[in-house]
Amino acid sequence: MSTYYSGLEVTPTVQDWIPEYIGPASRLVAKYGGKYLARTNSYERLEGDTKSPAVRIIIEWPSHKAAIDFMNDPEYTPHLKARTAGSVSHHALIEGKDDLGYLLTVNR
């Protein structure tokens, strides 16, 4: 079973949802075995020229199911709605595997 990672880019458009989001979201992430690896506005863009998000978040999940169960938890639903209504957010779920590693052995 693979580890999965949530990569989020969040730029709040209003701030009122944030104080009521952080506690419940943190608790629910832990409930599903998730672990925050980063919740920060301290980062450096090394490539690309699109507008940078205000905050980047990386969460490690023990499985795909854990991440999906978190997202579908009825207790999380109102907080998710508040975050998406009050921010520009992008969330990708990434499987922790190397699909291109085989290229290291090609043409050796």
Protein backbone atom coordinates (compact mmCIF):
# COMPACT_ATOMS: atom_id res chain seq x y z
CA MET A 1 0.00 0.00 0.00
CA SER A 2 1.41 3.38 -1.03
CA THR A 3 1.72 6.50 1.03
CA TYR A 4 -0.17 9.47 -0.44
CA TYR A 5 0.42 13.19 -0.15
CA SER A 6 -2.01 16.08 -0.34
CA GLY A 7 -0.47 19.15 -1.89
CA LEU A 8 -2.55 22.27 -1.38
CA GLU A 9 -2.10 25.83 -2.57
CA VAL A 10 -4.41 28.21 -0.72
CA THR A 11 -4.86 31.95 -1.14
CA PRO A 12 -7.57 33.31 1.18
CA THR A 13 -9.94 35.85 -0.33
CA VAL A 14 -11.52 36.48 3.08
CA GLN A 15 -10.09 35.65 6.50
CA ASP A 16 -13.16 34.91 8.62
CA TRP A 17 -13.20 31.13 7.99
CA ILE A 18 -9.57 30.55 9.03
CA PRO A 19 -9.81 30.57 12.87
CA GLU A 20 -12.72 28.11 12.83
CA TYR A 21 -11.04 25.90 10.22
CA ILE A 22 -7.58 25.20 11.65
CA GLY A 23 -8.59 23.27 14.80
CA PRO A 24 -11.23 20.95 13.32
CA ALA A 25 -9.23 20.31 10.14
CA SER A 26 -6.12 19.44 12.17
CA ARG A 27 -8.07 17.07 14.39
CA LEU A 28 -9.72 15.35 11.42
CA VAL A 29 -6.44 14.99 9.54
CA ALA A 30 -5.06 13.18 12.61
CA LYS A 31 -8.22 11.07 12.90
CA TYR A 32 -7.49 9.60 9.46
CA GLY A 33 -3.80 9.05 10.15
CA GLY A 34 -2.67 12.14 8.28
CA LYS A 35 0.37 14.14 9.28
CA TYR A 36 1.10 17.73 8.33
CA LEU A 37 4.56 17.94 6.80
CA ALA A 38 4.23 21.65 5.99
CA ARG A 39 1.71 24.45 6.56
CA THR A 40 3.62 27.53 5.58
CA ASN A 41 3.90 30.74 3.67
CA SER A 42 7.70 30.34 3.79
CA TYR A 43 8.70 28.97 0.40
CA GLU A 44 10.70 29.98 -2.63
CA ARG A 45 9.48 29.59 -6.20
CA LEU A 46 12.26 27.91 -8.15
CA GLU A 47 10.45 27.56 -11.46
CA GLY A 48 7.46 29.03 -13.29
CA ASP A 49 5.93 32.46 -13.33
CA THR A 50 2.34 32.05 -12.18
CA LYS A 51 1.09 33.94 -9.16
CA SER A 52 2.21 32.23 -5.97
CA PRO A 53 -0.37 31.08 -3.42
CA ALA A 54 -0.35 32.59 0.07
CA VAL A 55 0.06 29.21 1.80
CA ARG A 56 1.32 25.79 0.78
CA ILE A 57 0.24 22.72 2.71
CA ILE A 58 1.61 19.18 2.47
CA ILE A 59 -0.15 16.32 4.29
CA GLU A 60 1.12 12.74 4.37
CA TRP A 61 -1.60 10.05 4.36
CA PRO A 62 -1.16 6.36 5.15
CA SER A 63 -3.33 5.41 2.16
CA HIS A 64 -5.53 6.72 -0.64
CA LYS A 65 -8.58 5.61 1.35
CA ALA A 66 -7.54 7.65 4.39
CA ALA A 67 -7.27 10.83 2.31
CA ILE A 68 -10.61 10.27 0.59
CA ASP A 69 -12.32 9.36 3.86
CA PHE A 70 -11.04 12.62 5.37
CA MET A 71 -12.37 14.64 2.44
CA ASN A 72 -15.75 12.89 2.66
CA ASP A 73 -16.13 13.08 6.45
CA PRO A 74 -19.45 14.82 7.18
CA GLU A 75 -17.78 16.69 10.04
CA TYR A 76 -15.28 18.17 7.57
CA THR A 77 -17.87 19.18 4.95
CA PRO A 78 -18.80 22.60 6.43
CA HIS A 79 -15.12 23.46 6.91
CA LEU A 80 -14.26 22.42 3.36
CA LYS A 81 -17.13 24.56 2.06
CA ALA A 82 -15.90 27.52 4.11
CA ARG A 83 -12.33 27.11 2.83
CA THR A 84 -13.31 26.80 -0.81
CA ALA A 85 -15.77 29.71 -0.56
CA GLY A 86 -13.23 31.92 1.21
CA SER A 87 -10.13 31.16 -0.84
CA VAL A 88 -8.66 30.19 -4.15
CA SER A 89 -7.58 26.61 -3.43
CA HIS A 90 -5.99 23.82 -5.41
CA HIS A 91 -5.63 20.35 -3.90
CA ALA A 92 -3.84 17.43 -5.52
CA LEU A 93 -3.59 13.93 -4.06
CA ILE A 94 -0.25 12.41 -5.08
CA GLU A 95 0.73 8.76 -4.80
CA GLY A 96 4.18 8.36 -3.26
CA LYS A 97 5.79 6.31 -6.00
CA ASP A 98 8.25 6.78 -8.82
CA ASP A 99 6.53 6.03 -12.12
CA LEU A 100 9.50 7.30 -14.11
CA GLY A 101 12.32 5.56 -12.23
CA TYR A 102 12.47 2.89 -14.93
CA LEU A 103 13.96 5.51 -17.25
CA LEU A 104 17.17 5.37 -15.22
CA THR A 105 17.84 1.91 -16.64
CA VAL A 106 16.87 2.68 -20.26
CA ASN A 107 19.80 3.08 -22.69
CA ARG A 108 22.47 2.30 -20.12
